[in-house]
Amino acid sequence: MTATPAAVLHEPGDLRIEEVDIPRPGPGEVLIRVGVCGVCGSDATEYGRSLVLAEPPVVLGHEFAGTVESVGEG
């Protein structure tokens, strides 16, 4: 499995650029090569105040555009 750099939030205020494994898509999933990614209000909230939306460590960024890299079954 290949790795790629990602912004990983460990706790509020503790954001690190780390190498993370690139997952293989499972059934009904696609893997997208991200071209651009924005930071939205929930990302900013998670960074600055609390981790209410996800259990750390978590890769931030969910508003993005890219190219389908591979697909899982179905």
Protein backbone atom coordinates (compact mmCIF):
# COMPACT_ATOMS: atom_id res chain seq x y z
CA MET A 1 0.00 0.00 0.00
CA THR A 2 1.26 3.47 -0.87
CA ALA A 3 1.23 6.41 1.55
CA THR A 4 0.37 10.07 1.02
CA PRO A 5 0.68 13.20 3.19
CA ALA A 6 -2.45 14.29 5.06
CA ALA A 7 -3.45 16.82 7.74
CA VAL A 8 -4.15 14.70 10.82
CA LEU A 9 -5.82 16.28 13.86
CA HIS A 10 -4.74 14.63 17.13
CA GLU A 11 -6.50 17.03 19.51
CA PRO A 12 -7.76 20.61 19.31
CA GLY A 13 -4.86 22.77 18.13
CA ASP A 14 -2.61 19.77 17.36
CA LEU A 15 -2.66 19.39 13.57
CA ARG A 16 0.20 17.41 11.99
CA ILE A 17 1.14 16.63 8.41
CA GLU A 18 1.71 12.86 8.38
CA GLU A 19 2.06 10.04 5.88
CA VAL A 20 -1.11 7.91 5.87
CA ASP A 21 -1.83 4.70 3.99
CA ILE A 22 -3.99 5.04 0.88
CA PRO A 23 -6.97 2.73 1.40
CA ARG A 24 -8.39 0.30 -1.14
CA PRO A 25 -12.06 0.90 -1.89
CA GLY A 26 -14.45 -1.70 -0.54
CA PRO A 27 -17.78 -2.80 -2.05
CA GLY A 28 -19.81 0.21 -3.18
CA GLU A 29 -16.91 2.62 -2.56
CA VAL A 30 -14.59 4.69 -4.76
CA LEU A 31 -11.12 6.04 -4.13
CA ILE A 32 -10.76 9.67 -5.19
CA ARG A 33 -7.43 11.35 -5.91
CA VAL A 34 -8.05 14.75 -4.33
CA GLY A 35 -7.25 17.72 -6.54
CA VAL A 36 -8.42 20.50 -4.21
CA CYS A 37 -9.87 20.57 -0.70
CA GLY A 38 -11.47 23.36 1.28
CA VAL A 39 -11.66 23.97 4.99
CA CYS A 40 -15.23 24.38 6.19
CA GLY A 41 -16.77 25.50 9.47
CA SER A 42 -16.87 22.02 11.00
CA ASP A 43 -13.15 21.51 10.27
CA ALA A 44 -12.36 24.84 11.92
CA THR A 45 -14.51 23.91 14.92
CA GLU A 46 -12.76 20.56 15.30
CA TYR A 47 -9.34 22.24 15.09
CA GLY A 48 -10.01 25.07 17.48
CA ARG A 49 -12.41 23.95 20.16
CA SER A 50 -13.59 20.39 20.37
CA LEU A 51 -13.57 17.01 18.75
CA VAL A 52 -17.31 16.41 18.66
CA LEU A 53 -17.66 15.14 15.09
CA ALA A 54 -14.91 12.52 15.04
CA GLU A 55 -12.67 10.47 17.31
CA PRO A 56 -8.99 11.53 17.04
CA PRO A 57 -6.76 11.08 15.23
CA VAL A 58 -8.81 12.20 12.23
CA VAL A 59 -7.88 13.42 8.75
CA LEU A 60 -9.55 16.79 8.19
CA GLY A 61 -11.15 17.89 4.96
CA HIS A 62 -14.37 16.62 3.43
CA GLU A 63 -15.28 19.31 0.89
CA PHE A 64 -13.13 18.38 -2.07
CA ALA A 65 -13.00 17.70 -5.79
CA GLY A 66 -10.88 15.15 -7.57
CA THR A 67 -10.65 12.23 -9.96
CA VAL A 68 -11.90 8.69 -9.39
CA GLU A 69 -8.73 6.62 -8.97
CA SER A 70 -10.25 3.15 -8.46
CA VAL A 71 -13.57 1.50 -7.63
CA GLY A 72 -14.64 -1.36 -5.39
CA GLU A 73 -17.10 -4.07 -6.33
CA GLY A 74 -20.60 -2.95 -7.20
